[in-house]
Amino acid sequence: MHKVRSLFVANSAKAYSRLSTRRKSTGERPSAPLGSRFLTNHDDIFKHNMWDHVQWTEEDKENARQRAQENSLVQIPLKEQGKFDTDAHCYWDQFYEMHQNKFFKDRKWLFLEFPELIPSGSKSQATTRCQGDQQTEILLPNGSSLNAETSLHQHSDTTSYHRHVSDYPSACQGASEERNVLQTSTFPGQHASFRILEVGCGVGNSVFPILNSIRGRDAFLYCCDFSPRAIHLVKSHGDYDDSVCHAFVHDICEEMASFPFPIQSLDVILAVFVFSSIHPERIQKVVNRLATYLKHEGTFLFRDYGRYDLSQLRFKKGRCLSENFYTRGDGTCVYFFTKGEVHDLFSNAGLEEIQNLEDRRLQVNRGKKIAMHRVWMQSKYRKPLPPSPL
């Protein structure tokens, strides 16, 4: 075993050194932050706990494929699989009863990777912004300006609203439709100009970093989980504030369950390590339903497990439910995505790709001198504006 680990470390370090050399010569840089610690010297591998943007050797890829194939040979009988889907909320409720809020750490990395979570307070002369029943100045191509009534819809990504005057009617048509939807009912956070929903919020490891960053920004956060115990822990937290947050129990797989806000009312939806716990045959419908709640040009942010992550390769025989889908010893489930699968999920829901990345890292146990491959998916998709009228 020691020889295998040593060989793995040596092969991996050589691959990372080649990748770093190529980046230096070409000036290539990652298309998203995802860390900036590159391993350039084999002797440095155990100096840090994590290395970013790793490149797998062909040997690494084949070893991972074989290990996943091996642990999938024995699958749980079909007659026993149903409980992991129908009783999923019970398994997660038991998980939170046992671990309370001690198992996961707060996600301090959120705003580096997902700056879309922070509503923009800046204004640009060349930006058309929709602010309910106000006159907004629009910069024309010839340098003159025009006042036009815009709607309640306000976006965090102001650069996406740079438009010539000929584009203005179609751009604001979708926003006008959203204003009409929002005026049909009263709901928590109705008067906020920027609304975020986190699905599968657990005990609030994303909730409270977000809350502490949006206070005083005319923003509102919704968060839901199908575990009543998890939501109780969120509401019991000292930083919970119902003037800027609404936490509620909700099963996103339940087709008839309604949200406490109307369709086309959200600027951002966040799903972090959530969809992997859902049976892969049900995920597409979940994404389709959630997408209807986004405003036009609203953003869906996603992070989850990638194919052949260390946690997939560690499963023993007899824990596999179906291809790349497993159940842990506590009854909770996990699926491992590919980049193509993630793209299909969101594009089939009518969303446009902004970012779709594999986050490959090398996690190091410096005490035991072990290097381990981690693979996560990180994606951002936007809901497009409606087609312009002919």
Protein backbone atom coordinates (compact mmCIF):
# COMPACT_ATOMS: atom_id res chain seq x y z
CA MET A 1 0.00 0.00 0.00
CA HIS A 2 2.84 2.39 0.87
CA LYS A 3 4.44 1.79 -2.55
CA VAL A 4 1.13 2.50 -4.29
CA ARG A 5 0.71 5.78 -2.43
CA SER A 6 4.29 6.81 -3.19
CA LEU A 7 3.86 6.03 -6.88
CA PHE A 8 0.59 7.97 -6.95
CA VAL A 9 2.25 11.02 -5.38
CA ALA A 10 5.20 10.87 -7.75
CA ASN A 11 3.04 10.54 -10.88
CA SER A 12 0.68 13.28 -9.75
CA ALA A 13 3.47 15.70 -8.89
CA LYS A 14 5.07 15.23 -12.32
CA ALA A 15 1.73 15.96 -14.01
CA TYR A 16 1.17 19.10 -11.95
CA SER A 17 4.71 20.31 -12.72
CA ARG A 18 4.09 19.86 -16.45
CA LEU A 19 0.82 21.76 -16.18
CA SER A 20 2.43 24.64 -14.29
CA THR A 21 5.28 24.84 -16.82
CA ARG A 22 2.76 25.01 -19.67
CA ARG A 23 0.86 27.80 -17.90
CA LYS A 24 4.06 29.79 -17.44
CA SER A 25 4.98 29.48 -21.11
CA THR A 26 1.54 30.26 -22.52
CA GLY A 27 0.33 32.76 -19.93
CA GLU A 28 -2.81 30.64 -19.47
CA ARG A 29 -4.87 31.36 -16.38
CA PRO A 30 -7.93 29.61 -14.95
CA SER A 31 -11.24 31.02 -16.19
CA ALA A 32 -12.48 31.30 -12.59
CA PRO A 33 -10.78 31.76 -9.21
CA LEU A 34 -11.07 28.20 -7.82
CA GLY A 35 -7.84 28.79 -5.94
CA SER A 36 -4.40 29.87 -7.16
CA ARG A 37 -1.97 27.54 -5.41
CA PHE A 38 -0.06 25.64 -8.09
CA LEU A 39 2.37 22.81 -7.42
CA THR A 40 5.52 23.54 -9.43
CA ASN A 41 8.08 21.57 -7.45
CA HIS A 42 7.68 17.90 -6.56
CA ASP A 43 9.48 18.47 -3.26
CA ASP A 44 6.83 20.98 -2.14
CA ILE A 45 3.86 18.60 -2.33
CA PHE A 46 3.49 18.23 1.45
CA LYS A 47 3.99 21.90 2.31
CA HIS A 48 0.26 22.70 1.99
CA ASN A 49 -3.05 20.93 2.58
CA MET A 50 -4.45 21.66 -0.89
CA TRP A 51 -3.18 22.31 -4.42
CA ASP A 52 -5.40 23.87 -7.10
CA HIS A 53 -6.07 23.18 -10.79
CA VAL A 54 -4.47 19.76 -10.88
CA GLN A 55 -4.09 17.70 -14.03
CA TRP A 56 -4.64 13.95 -13.91
CA THR A 57 -2.32 11.56 -15.67
CA GLU A 58 -3.82 8.89 -17.90
CA GLU A 59 -2.85 6.40 -15.20
CA ASP A 60 -4.80 8.41 -12.59
CA LYS A 61 -7.87 8.43 -14.84
CA GLU A 62 -7.74 4.70 -15.51
CA ASN A 63 -7.21 3.85 -11.83
CA ALA A 64 -10.22 5.99 -10.85
CA ARG A 65 -12.41 4.43 -13.54
CA GLN A 66 -11.49 0.92 -12.42
CA ARG A 67 -12.11 1.65 -8.75
CA ALA A 68 -15.55 3.13 -9.49
CA GLN A 69 -16.37 0.16 -11.70
CA GLU A 70 -15.29 -2.24 -8.97
CA ASN A 71 -17.35 -0.64 -6.20
CA SER A 72 -20.41 -0.60 -8.48
CA LEU A 73 -20.37 -4.32 -9.33
CA VAL A 74 -22.63 -5.20 -6.40
CA GLN A 75 -25.73 -3.00 -6.28
CA ILE A 76 -28.41 -2.80 -3.61
CA PRO A 77 -31.46 -4.87 -4.70
CA LEU A 78 -34.18 -2.82 -6.41
CA LYS A 79 -36.79 -3.79 -3.82
CA GLU A 80 -34.62 -2.18 -1.12
CA GLN A 81 -33.70 0.96 -3.03
CA GLY A 82 -37.03 2.76 -2.75
CA LYS A 83 -36.61 3.66 0.91
CA PHE A 84 -33.54 5.76 0.18
CA ASP A 85 -35.73 7.99 -1.98
CA THR A 86 -39.04 8.03 -0.11
CA ASP A 87 -37.42 8.29 3.33
CA ALA A 88 -34.61 10.66 2.38
CA HIS A 89 -35.94 13.43 4.64
CA CYS A 90 -35.91 11.01 7.59
CA TYR A 91 -32.29 10.03 7.00
CA TRP A 92 -31.20 13.67 6.80
CA ASP A 93 -33.29 14.58 9.85
CA GLN A 94 -31.48 11.84 11.78
CA PHE A 95 -28.17 13.15 10.45
CA TYR A 96 -28.86 16.65 11.83
CA GLU A 97 -30.18 15.22 15.09
CA MET A 98 -26.86 13.45 15.57
CA HIS A 99 -24.47 16.15 14.35
CA GLN A 100 -26.51 19.32 15.02
CA ASN A 101 -24.55 22.20 13.45
CA LYS A 102 -21.09 20.75 14.15
CA PHE A 103 -20.49 18.66 11.02
CA PHE A 104 -20.02 21.26 8.23
CA LYS A 105 -18.03 24.51 8.31
CA ASP A 106 -19.38 27.88 7.19
CA ARG A 107 -18.63 28.44 3.50
CA LYS A 108 -16.35 31.46 3.61
CA TRP A 109 -15.35 30.80 -0.02
CA LEU A 110 -18.84 31.60 -1.31
CA PHE A 111 -18.24 35.20 -2.32
CA LEU A 112 -14.93 34.53 -4.04
CA GLU A 113 -16.50 31.93 -6.29
CA PHE A 114 -20.03 33.38 -6.41
CA PRO A 115 -19.86 37.20 -6.24
CA GLU A 116 -23.34 37.16 -7.79
CA LEU A 117 -24.67 36.62 -4.26
CA ILE A 118 -23.88 40.24 -3.38
CA PRO A 119 -26.30 42.78 -4.87
CA SER A 120 -24.52 45.51 -6.75
CA GLY A 121 -24.99 48.98 -5.25
CA SER A 122 -23.09 50.81 -7.96
CA LYS A 123 -24.74 52.59 -10.85
CA SER A 124 -23.41 52.99 -14.36
CA GLN A 125 -24.31 55.70 -16.87
CA ALA A 126 -24.39 53.15 -19.65
CA THR A 127 -26.53 50.69 -17.71
CA THR A 128 -30.27 50.29 -17.98
CA ARG A 129 -31.52 49.34 -14.52
CA CYS A 130 -35.09 48.51 -13.61
CA GLN A 131 -36.23 50.26 -10.45
CA GLY A 132 -39.97 50.20 -9.73
CA ASP A 133 -41.94 53.18 -11.08
CA GLN A 134 -38.88 55.44 -11.37
CA GLN A 135 -37.47 57.40 -14.29
CA THR A 136 -34.12 55.90 -15.31
CA GLU A 137 -31.56 57.55 -17.56
CA ILE A 138 -30.51 55.49 -20.57
CA LEU A 139 -27.37 56.43 -22.48
CA LEU A 140 -27.96 56.58 -26.24
CA PRO A 141 -25.32 55.69 -28.86
CA ASN A 142 -24.90 59.38 -29.80
CA GLY A 143 -24.11 60.34 -26.20
CA SER A 144 -27.49 61.90 -25.40
CA SER A 145 -29.82 60.38 -22.85
CA LEU A 146 -33.42 59.32 -22.57
CA ASN A 147 -35.69 58.92 -19.53
CA ALA A 148 -37.83 55.80 -19.51
CA GLU A 149 -40.04 54.08 -16.98
CA THR A 150 -38.61 50.77 -15.88
CA SER A 151 -39.88 48.06 -13.60
CA LEU A 152 -39.16 46.59 -10.20
CA HIS A 153 -36.56 44.17 -11.57
CA GLN A 154 -33.00 45.01 -10.49
CA HIS A 155 -29.96 42.88 -11.27
CA SER A 156 -26.62 42.31 -9.62
CA ASP A 157 -24.79 41.98 -12.93
CA THR A 158 -25.18 45.51 -14.30
CA THR A 159 -22.91 44.90 -17.27
CA SER A 160 -25.53 42.60 -18.77
CA TYR A 161 -27.87 45.58 -19.11
CA HIS A 162 -25.75 47.70 -21.45
CA ARG A 163 -28.13 48.30 -24.35
CA HIS A 164 -28.67 50.56 -27.33
CA VAL A 165 -32.03 52.30 -27.38
CA SER A 166 -33.27 49.87 -30.04
CA ASP A 167 -32.88 47.04 -27.52
CA TYR A 168 -34.67 48.83 -24.69
CA PRO A 169 -38.31 47.79 -25.34
CA SER A 170 -37.52 44.06 -25.50
CA ALA A 171 -35.19 44.27 -22.50
CA CYS A 172 -37.80 45.89 -20.30
CA GLN A 173 -40.69 43.79 -21.56
CA GLY A 174 -39.58 40.81 -19.49
CA ALA A 175 -38.98 43.02 -16.46
CA SER A 176 -42.47 44.51 -16.85
CA GLU A 177 -43.96 41.02 -16.87
CA GLU A 178 -42.08 40.24 -13.67
CA ARG A 179 -43.44 43.38 -12.00
CA ASN A 180 -46.99 42.31 -12.82
CA VAL A 181 -46.32 38.87 -11.29
CA LEU A 182 -44.90 40.37 -8.11
CA GLN A 183 -47.89 42.66 -7.65
CA THR A 184 -50.37 39.80 -7.55
CA SER A 185 -49.69 38.71 -3.97
CA THR A 186 -48.02 39.58 -0.69
CA PHE A 187 -45.06 37.45 0.36
CA PRO A 188 -42.00 37.60 2.65
CA GLY A 189 -39.30 39.80 1.12
CA GLN A 190 -41.73 41.35 -1.36
CA HIS A 191 -40.29 44.85 -0.99
CA ALA A 192 -36.65 43.82 -1.41
CA SER A 193 -35.09 44.65 -4.76
CA PHE A 194 -32.76 41.63 -4.70
CA ARG A 195 -33.86 38.11 -3.66
CA ILE A 196 -31.83 34.94 -3.15
CA LEU A 197 -33.04 31.38 -2.59
CA GLU A 198 -30.79 28.69 -1.20
CA VAL A 199 -32.22 25.20 -1.64
CA GLY A 200 -31.06 22.44 0.69
CA CYS A 201 -29.68 24.96 3.17
CA GLY A 202 -28.98 22.42 5.92
CA VAL A 203 -28.08 24.13 9.19
CA GLY A 204 -27.08 27.40 7.52
CA ASN A 205 -23.43 27.07 6.50
CA SER A 206 -24.18 29.29 3.50
CA VAL A 207 -27.10 31.14 5.05
CA PHE A 208 -25.23 33.05 7.72
CA PRO A 209 -22.25 34.16 5.61
CA ILE A 210 -24.80 35.47 3.08
CA LEU A 211 -26.96 37.16 5.72
CA ASN A 212 -23.97 38.93 7.22
CA SER A 213 -23.09 40.26 3.76
CA ILE A 214 -26.49 41.46 2.53
CA ARG A 215 -27.69 43.38 5.59
CA GLY A 216 -28.50 46.95 4.66
CA ARG A 217 -28.42 46.19 0.92
CA ASP A 218 -32.18 46.00 0.25
CA ALA A 219 -31.82 42.24 -0.24
CA PHE A 220 -33.69 39.23 1.11
CA LEU A 221 -32.69 35.59 1.53
CA TYR A 222 -35.00 32.56 1.39
CA CYS A 223 -33.61 29.22 2.52
CA CYS A 224 -35.27 25.81 2.64
CA ASP A 225 -34.53 22.22 3.52
CA PHE A 226 -36.73 19.12 3.75
CA SER A 227 -35.36 18.38 7.22
CA PRO A 228 -37.48 20.11 9.92
CA ARG A 229 -34.60 19.72 12.36
CA ALA A 230 -32.22 21.56 10.03
CA ILE A 231 -34.63 24.49 9.67
CA HIS A 232 -35.12 24.58 13.45
CA LEU A 233 -31.35 24.87 13.86
CA VAL A 234 -31.23 27.71 11.32
CA LYS A 235 -33.99 29.65 13.07
CA SER A 236 -32.36 29.07 16.46
CA HIS A 237 -29.06 30.58 15.34
CA GLY A 238 -28.11 33.88 16.94
CA ASP A 239 -27.62 35.58 13.55
CA TYR A 240 -31.01 34.58 12.15
CA ASP A 241 -33.08 37.66 11.32
CA ASP A 242 -36.55 37.27 9.84
CA SER A 243 -36.50 40.84 8.55
CA VAL A 244 -33.98 39.76 5.90
CA CYS A 245 -34.43 35.97 5.85
CA HIS A 246 -37.24 33.43 5.62
CA ALA A 247 -36.33 29.82 6.45
CA PHE A 248 -38.92 27.13 5.72
CA VAL A 249 -39.32 23.37 5.37
CA HIS A 250 -39.67 22.35 1.73
CA ASP A 251 -39.02 19.25 -0.38
CA ILE A 252 -37.81 20.45 -3.79
CA CYS A 253 -38.65 17.02 -5.26
CA GLU A 254 -42.33 17.40 -4.35
CA GLU A 255 -43.98 18.62 -7.54
CA MET A 256 -47.12 20.01 -5.85
CA ALA A 257 -45.32 21.82 -3.02
CA SER A 258 -45.44 25.62 -3.40
CA PHE A 259 -42.85 28.21 -2.50
CA PRO A 260 -43.67 31.29 -0.38
CA PHE A 261 -42.91 33.62 -3.30
CA PRO A 262 -44.22 33.89 -6.88
CA ILE A 263 -42.58 32.74 -10.09
CA GLN A 264 -40.05 35.08 -11.72
CA SER A 265 -39.29 36.72 -8.37
CA LEU A 266 -35.70 35.58 -7.64
CA ASP A 267 -32.40 37.11 -8.72
CA VAL A 268 -30.26 34.16 -7.58
CA ILE A 269 -30.81 30.48 -6.76
CA LEU A 270 -28.01 28.71 -4.91
CA ALA A 271 -27.63 24.91 -4.77
CA VAL A 272 -24.47 23.70 -3.00
CA PHE A 273 -24.02 19.92 -2.57
CA VAL A 274 -27.79 19.44 -2.84
CA PHE A 275 -28.66 17.86 -6.20
CA SER A 276 -26.19 15.03 -5.59
CA SER A 277 -28.44 13.77 -2.78
CA ILE A 278 -31.40 13.41 -5.17
CA HIS A 279 -32.05 10.36 -7.33
CA PRO A 280 -30.51 11.21 -10.74
CA GLU A 281 -33.79 10.48 -12.53
CA ARG A 282 -35.54 13.24 -10.56
CA ILE A 283 -32.97 16.05 -10.79
CA GLN A 284 -34.02 17.42 -14.19
CA LYS A 285 -37.60 18.08 -13.06
CA VAL A 286 -36.28 19.81 -9.94
CA VAL A 287 -34.10 22.16 -12.00
CA ASN A 288 -36.96 22.84 -14.42
CA ARG A 289 -39.30 23.88 -11.59
CA LEU A 290 -36.73 26.01 -9.82
CA ALA A 291 -35.85 27.85 -13.04
CA THR A 292 -39.41 29.18 -13.31
CA TYR A 293 -38.83 31.20 -10.13
CA LEU A 294 -35.85 33.09 -11.57
CA LYS A 295 -36.32 36.56 -12.98
CA HIS A 296 -35.20 37.04 -16.54
CA GLU A 297 -31.39 37.35 -16.37
CA GLY A 298 -31.47 35.81 -12.89
CA THR A 299 -28.62 33.41 -12.10
CA PHE A 300 -28.51 29.78 -10.94
CA LEU A 301 -25.36 28.97 -8.93
CA PHE A 302 -24.35 25.33 -8.51
CA ARG A 303 -21.56 23.43 -6.77
CA ASP A 304 -21.48 19.67 -6.17
CA TYR A 305 -19.50 16.45 -6.40
CA GLY A 306 -17.65 15.57 -9.62
CA ARG A 307 -17.13 12.17 -11.20
CA TYR A 308 -14.34 10.12 -9.60
CA ASP A 309 -13.96 12.38 -6.58
CA LEU A 310 -12.14 10.70 -3.72
CA SER A 311 -15.42 10.19 -1.86
CA GLN A 312 -16.79 8.13 -4.77
CA LEU A 313 -13.73 5.90 -4.96
CA ARG A 314 -13.85 5.21 -1.22
CA PHE A 315 -17.24 3.46 -1.36
CA LYS A 316 -17.19 -0.25 -0.62
CA LYS A 317 -19.02 -2.87 -2.64
CA GLY A 318 -22.72 -3.12 -1.85
CA ARG A 319 -23.35 0.63 -1.39
CA CYS A 320 -24.17 1.38 -5.05
CA LEU A 321 -27.79 2.18 -6.00
CA SER A 322 -27.19 2.78 -9.71
CA GLU A 323 -24.38 4.02 -11.92
CA ASN A 324 -22.38 6.69 -10.02
CA PHE A 325 -25.12 6.90 -7.35
CA TYR A 326 -24.47 5.54 -3.84
CA THR A 327 -25.91 5.44 -0.35
CA ARG A 328 -23.78 6.07 2.71
CA GLY A 329 -23.97 4.08 5.93
CA ASP A 330 -26.39 6.61 7.45
CA GLY A 331 -28.86 6.26 4.55
CA THR A 332 -28.08 9.59 2.85
CA CYS A 333 -27.29 9.37 -0.86
CA VAL A 334 -24.80 10.97 -3.24
CA TYR A 335 -24.44 11.21 -7.03
CA PHE A 336 -21.25 12.22 -8.88
CA PHE A 337 -21.68 14.53 -11.89
CA THR A 338 -19.78 15.08 -15.12
CA LYS A 339 -19.41 18.47 -16.77
CA GLY A 340 -21.65 17.39 -19.65
CA GLU A 341 -24.41 16.20 -17.32
CA VAL A 342 -24.41 19.50 -15.47
CA HIS A 343 -24.66 21.44 -18.72
CA ASP A 344 -27.58 19.33 -19.92
CA LEU A 345 -29.46 19.81 -16.63
CA PHE A 346 -29.45 23.59 -16.87
CA SER A 347 -29.65 24.04 -20.64
CA ASN A 348 -32.65 21.67 -20.77
CA ALA A 349 -34.31 23.99 -18.24
CA GLY A 350 -33.88 26.90 -20.67
CA LEU A 351 -30.86 28.50 -18.97
CA GLU A 352 -27.73 29.83 -20.66
CA GLU A 353 -24.22 28.89 -19.57
CA ILE A 354 -22.03 31.50 -17.89
CA GLN A 355 -19.60 29.06 -16.31
CA ASN A 356 -19.31 25.27 -16.14
CA LEU A 357 -16.08 24.01 -14.61
CA GLU A 358 -14.44 20.96 -13.11
CA ASP A 359 -12.65 21.99 -9.94
CA ARG A 360 -9.82 19.47 -9.61
CA ARG A 361 -7.61 19.71 -6.54
CA LEU A 362 -5.04 17.69 -4.68
CA GLN A 363 -5.83 17.33 -0.99
CA VAL A 364 -2.84 16.43 1.16
CA ASN A 365 -2.60 14.70 4.52
CA ARG A 366 0.80 16.02 5.55
CA GLY A 367 0.99 13.83 8.66
CA LYS A 368 0.42 10.55 6.82
CA LYS A 369 2.11 11.74 3.59
CA ILE A 370 -0.95 10.90 1.47
CA ALA A 371 -2.18 12.87 -1.57
CA MET A 372 -5.84 12.54 -2.62
CA HIS A 373 -7.73 13.72 -5.70
CA ARG A 374 -10.82 15.86 -5.12
CA VAL A 375 -13.23 16.72 -7.93
CA TRP A 376 -16.10 19.19 -7.68
CA MET A 377 -18.35 20.78 -10.27
CA GLN A 378 -18.97 24.53 -10.24
CA SER A 379 -21.44 26.19 -12.59
CA LYS A 380 -23.38 29.38 -13.24
CA TYR A 381 -26.37 29.58 -15.60
CA ARG A 382 -28.53 32.56 -16.48
CA LYS A 383 -32.20 32.77 -17.43
CA PRO A 384 -32.37 34.63 -20.76
CA LEU A 385 -34.62 37.52 -21.61
CA PRO A 386 -37.83 36.58 -23.44
CA PRO A 387 -37.76 36.74 -27.26
CA SER A 388 -38.31 40.17 -28.75
CA PRO A 389 -41.77 40.67 -30.29
CA LEU A 390 -41.81 40.62 -34.09
